[in-house]
PDB file of N, CA and C in Angstrom:
ATOM      1  N   MET A   1      68.525  77.373  74.191  1.00  0.00           N
ATOM      2  CA  MET A   1      69.160  76.946  72.953  1.00  0.00           C
ATOM      3  C   MET A   1      68.149  76.875  71.824  1.00  0.00           C
ATOM      4  N   LEU A   2      66.968  76.341  72.139  1.00  0.00           N
ATOM      5  CA  LEU A   2      65.923  76.232  71.122  1.00  0.00           C
ATOM      6  C   LEU A   2      65.484  77.608  70.628  1.00  0.00           C
ATOM      7  N   THR A   3      65.444  78.574  71.539  1.00  0.00           N
ATOM      8  CA  THR A   3      65.059  79.932  71.168  1.00  0.00           C
ATOM      9  C   THR A   3      66.050  80.521  70.174  1.00  0.00           C
ATOM     10  N   LYS A   4      67.320  80.263  70.384  1.00  0.00           N
ATOM     11  CA  LYS A   4      68.345  80.788  69.487  1.00  0.00           C
ATOM     12  C   LYS A   4      68.249  80.139  68.105  1.00  0.00           C
ATOM     13  N   ILE A   5      67.968  78.848  68.074  1.00  0.00           N
ATOM     14  CA  ILE A   5      67.818  78.154  66.794  1.00  0.00           C
ATOM     15  C   ILE A   5      66.616  78.706  66.030  1.00  0.00           C
ATOM     16  N   ILE A   6      65.512  78.909  66.723  1.00  0.00           N
ATOM     17  CA  ILE A   6      64.316  79.462  66.084  1.00  0.00           C
ATOM     18  C   ILE A   6      64.601  80.872  65.572  1.00  0.00           C
ATOM     19  N   ALA A   7      65.327  81.672  66.346  1.00  0.00           N
ATOM     20  CA  ALA A   7      65.661  83.033  65.923  1.00  0.00           C
ATOM     21  C   ALA A   7      66.511  83.018  64.652  1.00  0.00           C
ATOM     22  N   VAL A   8      67.478  82.132  64.592  1.00  0.00           N
ATOM     23  CA  VAL A   8      68.326  82.039  63.394  1.00  0.00           C
ATOM     24  C   VAL A   8      67.502  81.593  62.192  1.00  0.00           C
ATOM     25  N   LEU A   9      66.610  80.625  62.379  1.00  0.00           N
ATOM     26  CA  LEU A   9      65.750  80.183  61.280  1.00  0.00           C
ATOM     27  C   LEU A   9      64.845  81.303  60.791  1.00  0.00           C
ATOM     28  N   LEU A  10      64.316  82.101  61.709  1.00  0.00           N
ATOM     29  CA  LEU A  10      63.480  83.231  61.305  1.00  0.00           C
ATOM     30  C   LEU A  10      64.294  84.292  60.566  1.00  0.00           C
ATOM     31  N   LEU A  11      65.530  84.521  60.993  1.00  0.00           N
ATOM     32  CA  LEU A  11      66.387  85.460  60.264  1.00  0.00           C
ATOM     33  C   LEU A  11      66.679  84.967  58.854  1.00  0.00           C
ATOM     34  N   ILE A  12      66.914  83.682  58.701  1.00  0.00           N
ATOM     35  CA  ILE A  12      67.140  83.111  57.366  1.00  0.00           C
ATOM     36  C   ILE A  12      65.878  83.252  56.516  1.00  0.00           C
ATOM     37  N   ALA A  13      64.712  83.007  57.122  1.00  0.00           N
ATOM     38  CA  ALA A  13      63.450  83.166  56.388  1.00  0.00           C
ATOM     39  C   ALA A  13      63.255  84.616  55.964  1.00  0.00           C
ATOM     40  N   MET A  14      63.665  85.566  56.801  1.00  0.00           N
ATOM     41  CA  MET A  14      63.567  86.978  56.434  1.00  0.00           C
ATOM     42  C   MET A  14      64.457  87.289  55.236  1.00  0.00           C
ATOM     43  N   LEU A  15      65.654  86.755  55.234  1.00  0.00           N
ATOM     44  CA  LEU A  15      66.563  86.983  54.105  1.00  0.00           C
ATOM     45  C   LEU A  15      66.018  86.378  52.816  1.00  0.00           C
ATOM     46  N   VAL A  16      65.477  85.164  52.911  1.00  0.00           N
ATOM     47  CA  VAL A  16      64.895  84.519  51.731  1.00  0.00           C
ATOM     48  C   VAL A  16      63.744  85.369  51.189  1.00  0.00           C
ATOM     49  N   SER A  17      62.891  85.849  52.073  1.00  0.00           N
ATOM     50  CA  SER A  17      61.767  86.675  51.658  1.00  0.00           C
ATOM     51  C   SER A  17      62.244  87.992  51.031  1.00  0.00           C
ATOM     52  N   LEU A  18      63.284  88.580  51.616  1.00  0.00           N
ATOM     53  CA  LEU A  18      63.820  89.825  51.080  1.00  0.00           C
ATOM     54  C   LEU A  18      64.384  89.631  49.679  1.00  0.00           C
ATOM     55  N   PHE A  19      65.149  88.573  49.473  1.00  0.00           N
ATOM     56  CA  PHE A  19      65.719  88.324  48.151  1.00  0.00           C
ATOM     57  C   PHE A  19      64.645  87.878  47.152  1.00  0.00           C
ATOM     58  N   THR A  20      63.612  87.202  47.632  1.00  0.00           N
ATOM     59  CA  THR A  20      62.499  86.853  46.752  1.00  0.00           C
ATOM     60  C   THR A  20      61.805  88.118  46.275  1.00  0.00           C
ATOM     61  N   GLY A  21      61.586  89.057  47.181  1.00  0.00           N
ATOM     62  CA  GLY A  21      60.985  90.326  46.798  1.00  0.00           C
ATOM     63  C   GLY A  21      61.838  91.075  45.791  1.00  0.00           C
ATOM     64  N   MET A  22      63.159  91.057  45.979  1.00  0.00           N
ATOM     65  CA  MET A  22      64.045  91.723  45.029  1.00  0.00           C
ATOM     66  C   MET A  22      63.985  91.045  43.658  1.00  0.00           C
ATOM     67  N   TYR A  23      63.927  89.722  43.653  1.00  0.00           N
ATOM     68  CA  TYR A  23      63.847  88.984  42.389  1.00  0.00           C
ATOM     69  C   TYR A  23      62.566  89.346  41.638  1.00  0.00           C
ATOM     70  N   TYR A  24      61.430  89.345  42.362  1.00  0.00           N
ATOM     71  CA  TYR A  24      60.163  89.672  41.710  1.00  0.00           C
ATOM     72  C   TYR A  24      60.104  91.129  41.281  1.00  0.00           C
ATOM     73  N   LEU A  25      60.780  92.004  42.000  1.00  0.00           N
ATOM     74  CA  LEU A  25      60.820  93.412  41.613  1.00  0.00           C
ATOM     75  C   LEU A  25      61.499  93.580  40.261  1.00  0.00           C
ATOM     76  N   VAL A  26      62.582  92.848  40.060  1.00  0.00           N
ATOM     77  CA  VAL A  26      63.315  92.936  38.802  1.00  0.00           C
ATOM     78  C   VAL A  26      62.577  92.177  37.694  1.00  0.00           C
ATOM     79  N   LYS A  27      62.066  90.995  37.998  1.00  0.00           N
ATOM     80  CA  LYS A  27      61.454  90.142  36.978  1.00  0.00           C
ATOM     81  C   LYS A  27      60.099  90.676  36.507  1.00  0.00           C
ATOM     82  N   ASP A  28      59.234  91.062  37.449  1.00  0.00           N
ATOM     83  CA  ASP A  28      57.879  91.465  37.089  1.00  0.00           C
ATOM     84  C   ASP A  28      57.768  92.927  36.689  1.00  0.00           C
ATOM     85  N   ARG A  29      58.721  93.737  37.061  1.00  0.00           N
ATOM     86  CA  ARG A  29      58.735  95.173  36.759  1.00  0.00           C
ATOM     87  C   ARG A  29      57.446  95.875  37.185  1.00  0.00           C
ATOM     88  N   GLY A  30      56.952  95.509  38.361  1.00  0.00           N
ATOM     89  CA  GLY A  30      55.792  96.183  38.920  1.00  0.00           C
ATOM     90  C   GLY A  30      54.466  95.752  38.338  1.00  0.00           C
ATOM     91  N   GLN A  31      54.421  94.642  37.612  1.00  0.00           N
ATOM     92  CA  GLN A  31      53.186  94.199  36.978  1.00  0.00           C
ATOM     93  C   GLN A  31      52.363  93.257  37.834  1.00  0.00           C
ATOM     94  N   SER A  32      52.907  92.811  38.971  1.00  0.00           N
ATOM     95  CA  SER A  32      52.154  91.902  39.833  1.00  0.00           C
ATOM     96  C   SER A  32      52.364  92.293  41.299  1.00  0.00           C
ATOM     97  N   ASN A  33      51.664  91.611  42.170  1.00  0.00           N
ATOM     98  CA  ASN A  33      51.750  91.881  43.605  1.00  0.00           C
ATOM     99  C   ASN A  33      52.740  90.960  44.314  1.00  0.00           C
ATOM    100  N   ARG A  34      53.520  90.185  43.575  1.00  0.00           N
ATOM    101  CA  ARG A  34      54.411  89.222  44.219  1.00  0.00           C
ATOM    102  C   ARG A  34      55.496  89.907  45.055  1.00  0.00           C
ATOM    103  N   THR A  35      55.981  91.061  44.610  1.00  0.00           N
ATOM    104  CA  THR A  35      56.970  91.802  45.400  1.00  0.00           C
ATOM    105  C   THR A  35      56.352  92.254  46.716  1.00  0.00           C
ATOM    106  N   LEU A  36      55.158  92.801  46.654  1.00  0.00           N
ATOM    107  CA  LEU A  36      54.457  93.247  47.849  1.00  0.00           C
ATOM    108  C   LEU A  36      54.205  92.089  48.808  1.00  0.00           C
ATOM    109  N   ASN A  37      53.799  90.955  48.274  1.00  0.00           N
ATOM    110  CA  ASN A  37      53.550  89.785  49.123  1.00  0.00           C
ATOM    111  C   ASN A  37      54.827  89.304  49.816  1.00  0.00           C
ATOM    112  N   ALA A  38      55.939  89.272  49.095  1.00  0.00           N
ATOM    113  CA  ALA A  38      57.205  88.824  49.681  1.00  0.00           C
ATOM    114  C   ALA A  38      57.660  89.772  50.788  1.00  0.00           C
ATOM    115  N   LEU A  39      57.517  91.062  50.559  1.00  0.00           N
ATOM    116  CA  LEU A  39      57.939  92.020  51.579  1.00  0.00           C
ATOM    117  C   LEU A  39      56.980  92.047  52.758  1.00  0.00           C
ATOM    118  N   THR A  40      55.706  91.774  52.515  1.00  0.00           N
ATOM    119  CA  THR A  40      54.743  91.657  53.607  1.00  0.00           C
ATOM    120  C   THR A  40      55.083  90.466  54.486  1.00  0.00           C
ATOM    121  N   TRP A  41      55.471  89.360  53.878  1.00  0.00           N
ATOM    122  CA  TRP A  41      55.897  88.189  54.653  1.00  0.00           C
ATOM    123  C   TRP A  41      57.116  88.529  55.497  1.00  0.00           C
ATOM    124  N   ARG A  42      58.048  89.312  54.931  1.00  0.00           N
ATOM    125  CA  ARG A  42      59.252  89.678  55.671  1.00  0.00           C
ATOM    126  C   ARG A  42      58.895  90.489  56.909  1.00  0.00           C
ATOM    127  N   ILE A  43      57.978  91.415  56.776  1.00  0.00           N
ATOM    128  CA  ILE A  43      57.561  92.223  57.924  1.00  0.00           C
ATOM    129  C   ILE A  43      56.863  91.348  58.964  1.00  0.00           C
ATOM    130  N   GLY A  44      56.037  90.428  58.517  1.00  0.00           N
ATOM    131  CA  GLY A  44      55.363  89.518  59.442  1.00  0.00           C
ATOM    132  C   GLY A  44      56.344  88.644  60.196  1.00  0.00           C
ATOM    133  N   ILE A  45      57.362  88.161  59.506  1.00  0.00           N
ATOM    134  CA  ILE A  45      58.392  87.340  60.153  1.00  0.00           C
ATOM    135  C   ILE A  45      59.144  88.178  61.180  1.00  0.00           C
ATOM    136  N   TRP A  46      59.411  89.453  60.854  1.00  0.00           N
ATOM    137  CA  TRP A  46      60.106  90.325  61.787  1.00  0.00           C
ATOM    138  C   TRP A  46      59.281  90.524  63.064  1.00  0.00           C
ATOM    139  N   VAL A  47      57.983  90.717  62.911  1.00  0.00           N
ATOM    140  CA  VAL A  47      57.113  90.896  64.084  1.00  0.00           C
ATOM    141  C   VAL A  47      57.143  89.644  64.961  1.00  0.00           C
ATOM    142  N   VAL A  48      57.081  88.475  64.340  1.00  0.00           N
ATOM    143  CA  VAL A  48      57.135  87.220  65.098  1.00  0.00           C
ATOM    144  C   VAL A  48      58.490  87.082  65.805  1.00  0.00           C
ATOM    145  N   LEU A  49      59.569  87.406  65.115  1.00  0.00           N
ATOM    146  CA  LEU A  49      60.906  87.324  65.710  1.00  0.00           C
ATOM    147  C   LEU A  49      61.036  88.280  66.894  1.00  0.00           C
ATOM    148  N   PHE A  50      60.546  89.500  66.742  1.00  0.00           N
ATOM    149  CA  PHE A  50      60.621  90.479  67.821  1.00  0.00           C
ATOM    150  C   PHE A  50      59.828  90.003  69.030  1.00  0.00           C
ATOM    151  N   ALA A  51      58.627  89.488  68.792  1.00  0.00           N
ATOM    152  CA  ALA A  51      57.794  88.982  69.889  1.00  0.00           C
ATOM    153  C   ALA A  51      58.465  87.787  70.569  1.00  0.00           C
ATOM    154  N   LEU A  52      59.083  86.910  69.779  1.00  0.00           N
ATOM    155  CA  LEU A  52      59.785  85.759  70.346  1.00  0.00           C
ATOM    156  C   LEU A  52      60.937  86.199  71.239  1.00  0.00           C
ATOM    157  N   LEU A  53      61.747  87.133  70.768  1.00  0.00           N
ATOM    158  CA  LEU A  53      62.882  87.592  71.560  1.00  0.00           C
ATOM    159  C   LEU A  53      62.437  88.348  72.808  1.00  0.00           C
ATOM    160  N   ALA A  54      61.412  89.174  72.683  1.00  0.00           N
ATOM    161  CA  ALA A  54      60.910  89.897  73.852  1.00  0.00           C
ATOM    162  C   ALA A  54      60.314  88.927  74.871  1.00  0.00           C
ATOM    163  N   GLY A  55      59.546  87.967  74.408  1.00  0.00           N
ATOM    164  CA  GLY A  55      58.959  86.980  75.304  1.00  0.00           C
ATOM    165  C   GLY A  55      60.004  86.097  75.952  1.00  0.00           C
ATOM    166  N   ALA A  56      60.997  85.680  75.197  1.00  0.00           N
ATOM    167  CA  ALA A  56      62.057  84.829  75.742  1.00  0.00           C
ATOM    168  C   ALA A  56      62.869  85.577  76.790  1.00  0.00           C
ATOM    169  N   THR A  57      63.089  86.851  76.575  1.00  0.00           N
ATOM    170  CA  THR A  57      63.803  87.649  77.561  1.00  0.00           C
ATOM    171  C   THR A  57      62.945  87.854  78.805  1.00  0.00           C
ATOM    172  N   TYR A  58      61.669  88.132  78.617  1.00  0.00           N
ATOM    173  CA  TYR A  58      60.763  88.363  79.743  1.00  0.00           C
ATOM    174  C   TYR A  58      60.625  87.121  80.628  1.00  0.00           C
ATOM    175  N   PHE A  59      60.504  85.960  79.991  1.00  0.00           N
ATOM    176  CA  PHE A  59      60.308  84.723  80.749  1.00  0.00           C
ATOM    177  C   PHE A  59      61.612  84.064  81.190  1.00  0.00           C
ATOM    178  N   GLY A  60      62.747  84.650  80.841  1.00  0.00           N
ATOM    179  CA  GLY A  60      64.027  84.167  81.334  1.00  0.00           C
ATOM    180  C   GLY A  60      64.704  83.117  80.477  1.00  0.00           C
ATOM    181  N   PHE A  61      64.197  82.853  79.284  1.00  0.00           N
ATOM    182  CA  PHE A  61      64.870  81.897  78.405  1.00  0.00           C
ATOM    183  C   PHE A  61      66.136  82.496  77.809  1.00  0.00           C
ATOM    184  N   LEU A  62      66.151  83.803  77.632  1.00  0.00           N
ATOM    185  CA  LEU A  62      67.335  84.532  77.185  1.00  0.00           C
ATOM    186  C   LEU A  62      67.666  85.572  78.249  1.00  0.00           C
ATOM    187  N   GLU A  63      68.950  85.772  78.480  1.00  0.00           N
ATOM    188  CA  GLU A  63      69.365  86.794  79.437  1.00  0.00           C
ATOM    189  C   GLU A  63      70.236  87.810  78.711  1.00  0.00           C
ATOM    190  N   PRO A  64      70.037  89.096  79.020  1.00  0.00           N
ATOM    191  CA  PRO A  64      70.878  90.111  78.386  1.00  0.00           C
ATOM    192  C   PRO A  64      72.319  89.994  78.858  1.00  0.00           C
ATOM    193  N   SER A  65      73.234  90.502  78.064  1.00  0.00           N
ATOM    194  CA  SER A  65      74.646  90.463  78.460  1.00  0.00           C
ATOM    195  C   SER A  65      74.875  91.418  79.622  1.00  0.00           C
ATOM    196  N   GLU A  66      76.045  91.339  80.230  1.00  0.00           N
ATOM    197  CA  GLU A  66      76.368  92.169  81.392  1.00  0.00           C
ATOM    198  C   GLU A  66      76.256  93.654  81.084  1.00  0.00           C
ATOM    199  N   SER A  67      76.614  94.065  79.885  1.00  0.00           N
ATOM    200  CA  SER A  67      76.600  95.491  79.550  1.00  0.00           C
ATOM    201  C   SER A  67      75.177  96.038  79.443  1.00  0.00           C
ATOM    202  N   LEU A  68      74.181  95.180  79.271  1.00  0.00           N
ATOM    203  CA  LEU A  68      72.811  95.640  79.133  1.00  0.00           C
ATOM    204  C   LEU A  68      72.011  95.569  80.428  1.00  0.00           C
ATOM    205  N   LYS A  69      72.568  94.972  81.456  1.00  0.00           N
ATOM    206  CA  LYS A  69      71.860  94.865  82.728  1.00  0.00           C
ATOM    207  C   LYS A  69      71.937  96.189  83.486  1.00  0.00           C
ATOM    208  N   PRO A  70      70.881  96.554  84.206  1.00  0.00           N
ATOM    209  CA  PRO A  70      70.935  97.774  85.026  1.00  0.00           C
ATOM    210  C   PRO A  70      72.010  97.655  86.108  1.00  0.00           C
ATOM    211  N   ASP A  71      72.537  98.801  86.536  1.00  0.00           N
ATOM    212  CA  ASP A  71      73.613  98.820  87.530  1.00  0.00           C
ATOM    213  C   ASP A  71      73.207  98.163  88.843  1.00  0.00           C
ATOM    214  N   GLN A  72      71.988  98.393  89.301  1.00  0.00           N
ATOM    215  CA  GLN A  72      71.556  97.817  90.571  1.00  0.00           C
ATOM    216  C   GLN A  72      71.538  96.300  90.508  1.00  0.00           C
ATOM    217  N   LEU A  73      71.114  95.744  89.400  1.00  0.00           N
ATOM    218  CA  LEU A  73      71.072  94.299  89.250  1.00  0.00           C
ATOM    219  C   LEU A  73      72.486  93.727  89.256  1.00  0.00           C
ATOM    220  N   ARG A  74      73.412  94.387  88.578  1.00  0.00           N
ATOM    221  CA  ARG A  74      74.799  93.933  88.559  1.00  0.00           C
ATOM    222  C   ARG A  74      75.416  93.967  89.949  1.00  0.00           C
ATOM    223  N   GLN A  75      75.123  95.011  90.730  1.00  0.00           N
ATOM    224  CA  GLN A  75      75.684  95.126  92.068  1.00  0.00           C
ATOM    225  C   GLN A  75      75.128  94.042  92.994  1.00  0.00           C
ATOM    226  N   SER A  76      73.823  93.742  92.878  1.00  0.00           N
ATOM    227  CA  SER A  76      73.233  92.725  93.755  1.00  0.00           C
ATOM    228  C   SER A  76      73.725  91.330  93.400  1.00  0.00           C
ATOM    229  N   GLU A  77      74.062  91.087  92.161  1.00  0.00           N
ATOM    230  CA  GLU A  77      74.562  89.771  91.765  1.00  0.00           C
ATOM    231  C   GLU A  77      75.998  89.558  92.223  1.00  0.00           C
ATOM    232  N   SER A  78      76.766  90.639  92.323  1.00  0.00           N
ATOM    233  CA  SER A  78      78.174  90.493  92.694  1.00  0.00           C
ATOM    234  C   SER A  78      78.350  90.295  94.208  1.00  0.00           C
ATOM    235  N   GLN A  79      77.340  90.587  94.996  1.00  0.00           N
ATOM    236  CA  GLN A  79      77.450  90.446  96.464  1.00  0.00           C
ATOM    237  C   GLN A  79      77.216  89.069  96.927  1.00  0.00           C
TER     238      GLN A  79
END
C-alpha cells in the first residue's frame, strides 16, 4: 500500500514539474534555464519512480496482474 501511495505522489510531482516547465517556457521565452531545470527534475523523478516500481515488483511488494504472469506460473498456482 505504501508503495502505491509513493508512486502516486511521484506521478503528481512529475505533473507539477511538467506544468512548471511549460509555464517557464511561455513566461521566460527561452531567456533562462528554468524550463530545462524543471524538465530535468521530471526526468529524475521518472527514473526514481521506475526504479521504485521495478524494485517493488522484484522484492514482492507489488505483484503483476494475472494477464502479465507467465503461463507456467499461472498453471502452477492453479494446481
